[in-house]
């Protein structure tokens, strides 16, 4: 309680001092402001709001945690891929290559179901 009041200025009787839908502890852990409503902000400019990042379990300070070239918004909204795995289907082609560059399915290692892996065919 001491640190909450004196260090952070947050309310020790509330888990969400600013009532923005994100707990004080999560906001502090992710370099957000527990004293101001920043739920609609987009700290990493990836297209997901801070509160959406909380809901998806992604980091509001890192637009592309798996480094595959797709930001969090593209991963969870556009393509439905795993923002924490550069290659959601494990076929050796990263999600960006499959979804954007090659047009293959990032959730299927054999997009055309011909028995040959996408990685062999591209």
Protein backbone atom coordinates (compact mmCIF):
# COMPACT_ATOMS: atom_id res chain seq x y z
CA UNK A 1 0.00 0.00 0.00
CA UNK A 2 2.88 2.36 0.79
CA UNK A 3 4.37 2.00 -2.70
CA UNK A 4 0.96 2.36 -4.30
CA UNK A 5 0.22 5.65 -2.60
CA UNK A 6 3.64 7.29 -2.42
CA UNK A 7 5.45 5.84 -5.44
CA UNK A 8 2.67 5.49 -7.98
CA UNK A 9 -0.13 7.62 -6.56
CA UNK A 10 -2.62 4.81 -7.07
CA UNK A 11 -5.48 3.87 -4.76
CA UNK A 12 -4.62 0.81 -2.64
CA UNK A 13 -8.33 0.06 -2.19
CA UNK A 14 -8.88 -0.24 -5.95
CA UNK A 15 -7.32 -2.64 -8.46
CA UNK A 16 -7.99 -0.08 -11.21
CA UNK A 17 -7.49 3.47 -9.90
CA UNK A 18 -8.39 5.19 -13.17
CA UNK A 19 -11.27 2.78 -13.92
CA UNK A 20 -10.16 2.24 -17.51
CA UNK A 21 -10.60 -1.55 -17.50
CA UNK A 22 -6.90 -2.28 -17.02
CA UNK A 23 -5.56 -3.10 -13.56
CA UNK A 24 -3.01 -0.79 -12.00
CA UNK A 25 -0.51 -3.64 -11.77
CA UNK A 26 -0.88 -4.47 -15.49
CA UNK A 27 -0.56 -0.82 -16.47
CA UNK A 28 2.58 -0.37 -14.35
CA UNK A 29 4.10 -3.61 -15.68
CA UNK A 30 3.49 -2.39 -19.24
CA UNK A 31 4.64 1.23 -18.83
CA UNK A 32 1.14 2.68 -19.05
CA UNK A 33 -0.45 5.29 -16.81
CA UNK A 34 -2.52 3.85 -13.93
CA UNK A 35 -3.78 7.37 -13.08
CA UNK A 36 -5.26 8.30 -16.46
CA UNK A 37 -7.66 6.53 -18.79
CA UNK A 38 -5.37 5.26 -21.53
CA UNK A 39 -7.47 2.24 -22.56
CA UNK A 40 -8.13 3.66 -26.03
CA UNK A 41 -4.48 4.55 -26.56
CA UNK A 42 -2.18 2.50 -28.76
CA UNK A 43 1.27 2.75 -27.19
CA UNK A 44 3.02 0.65 -29.85
CA UNK A 45 0.99 1.92 -32.83
CA UNK A 46 0.05 -1.59 -33.98
CA UNK A 47 -3.68 -0.94 -34.38
CA UNK A 48 -4.76 -2.60 -31.12
CA UNK A 49 -5.80 -0.34 -28.26
CA UNK A 50 -4.13 -0.86 -24.91
CA UNK A 51 -7.23 -2.56 -23.50
CA UNK A 52 -7.38 -4.84 -26.56
CA UNK A 53 -3.74 -5.75 -25.96
CA UNK A 54 -4.73 -6.74 -22.42
CA UNK A 55 -7.55 -8.91 -23.77
CA UNK A 56 -5.30 -10.67 -26.27
CA UNK A 57 -2.44 -11.04 -23.80
CA UNK A 58 -0.09 -9.06 -26.01
CA UNK A 59 2.38 -6.37 -24.97
CA UNK A 60 1.14 -2.81 -25.57
CA UNK A 61 4.76 -1.69 -25.96
CA UNK A 62 5.76 -4.24 -28.64
CA UNK A 63 3.93 -4.20 -31.97
CA UNK A 64 5.42 -7.49 -33.23
CA UNK A 65 6.54 -9.73 -30.35
CA UNK A 66 7.37 -12.73 -32.55
CA UNK A 67 9.30 -10.65 -35.10
CA UNK A 68 7.59 -12.16 -38.14
CA UNK A 69 6.72 -8.84 -39.77
CA UNK A 70 3.01 -8.89 -38.86
CA UNK A 71 1.97 -6.52 -36.09
CA UNK A 72 -0.38 -7.62 -33.31
CA UNK A 73 -3.47 -6.25 -35.09
CA UNK A 74 -2.69 -8.16 -38.28
CA UNK A 75 -2.00 -11.32 -36.28
CA UNK A 76 -5.09 -11.38 -34.04
CA UNK A 77 -7.66 -9.50 -36.14
CA UNK A 78 -6.77 -9.82 -39.82
CA UNK A 79 -5.18 -13.28 -40.07
CA UNK A 80 -6.01 -14.94 -36.74
CA UNK A 81 -2.42 -16.10 -36.33
CA UNK A 82 -0.47 -16.48 -33.12
CA UNK A 83 1.24 -13.19 -32.20
CA UNK A 84 3.81 -15.13 -30.15
CA UNK A 85 4.84 -17.63 -32.85
CA UNK A 86 6.49 -16.39 -36.02
CA UNK A 87 5.31 -19.55 -37.81
CA UNK A 88 1.81 -20.41 -36.55
CA UNK A 89 1.58 -23.69 -38.50
CA UNK A 90 5.19 -24.75 -37.96
CA UNK A 91 5.91 -25.37 -41.63
CA UNK A 92 9.09 -23.30 -41.79
CA UNK A 93 7.49 -20.26 -43.46
CA UNK A 94 6.79 -17.32 -41.18
CA UNK A 95 3.29 -15.89 -40.92
CA UNK A 96 4.12 -12.74 -42.88
CA UNK A 97 5.59 -14.74 -45.75
CA UNK A 98 2.51 -16.95 -45.90
CA UNK A 99 -0.25 -14.38 -45.34
CA UNK A 100 1.21 -11.46 -47.28
CA UNK A 101 4.05 -12.41 -49.62
CA UNK A 102 3.09 -15.92 -50.78
CA UNK A 103 -0.67 -16.09 -50.27
CA UNK A 104 -0.52 -19.45 -48.49
CA UNK A 105 -2.48 -20.25 -45.33
CA UNK A 106 -0.44 -19.48 -42.19
CA UNK A 107 -2.54 -22.08 -40.30
CA UNK A 108 -1.97 -24.91 -42.79
CA UNK A 109 1.38 -26.43 -43.66
CA UNK A 110 -0.21 -27.71 -46.90
CA UNK A 111 -2.52 -24.96 -48.14
CA UNK A 112 -3.62 -26.78 -51.30
CA UNK A 113 -3.92 -30.19 -49.57
CA UNK A 114 -1.86 -31.96 -52.23
CA UNK A 115 0.39 -33.75 -49.75
CA UNK A 116 3.34 -31.43 -50.37
CA UNK A 117 4.25 -28.89 -47.67
CA UNK A 118 3.93 -25.23 -48.57
CA UNK A 119 7.64 -24.73 -47.92
CA UNK A 120 8.50 -27.18 -50.71
CA UNK A 121 6.07 -25.63 -53.16
CA UNK A 122 7.00 -21.96 -52.90
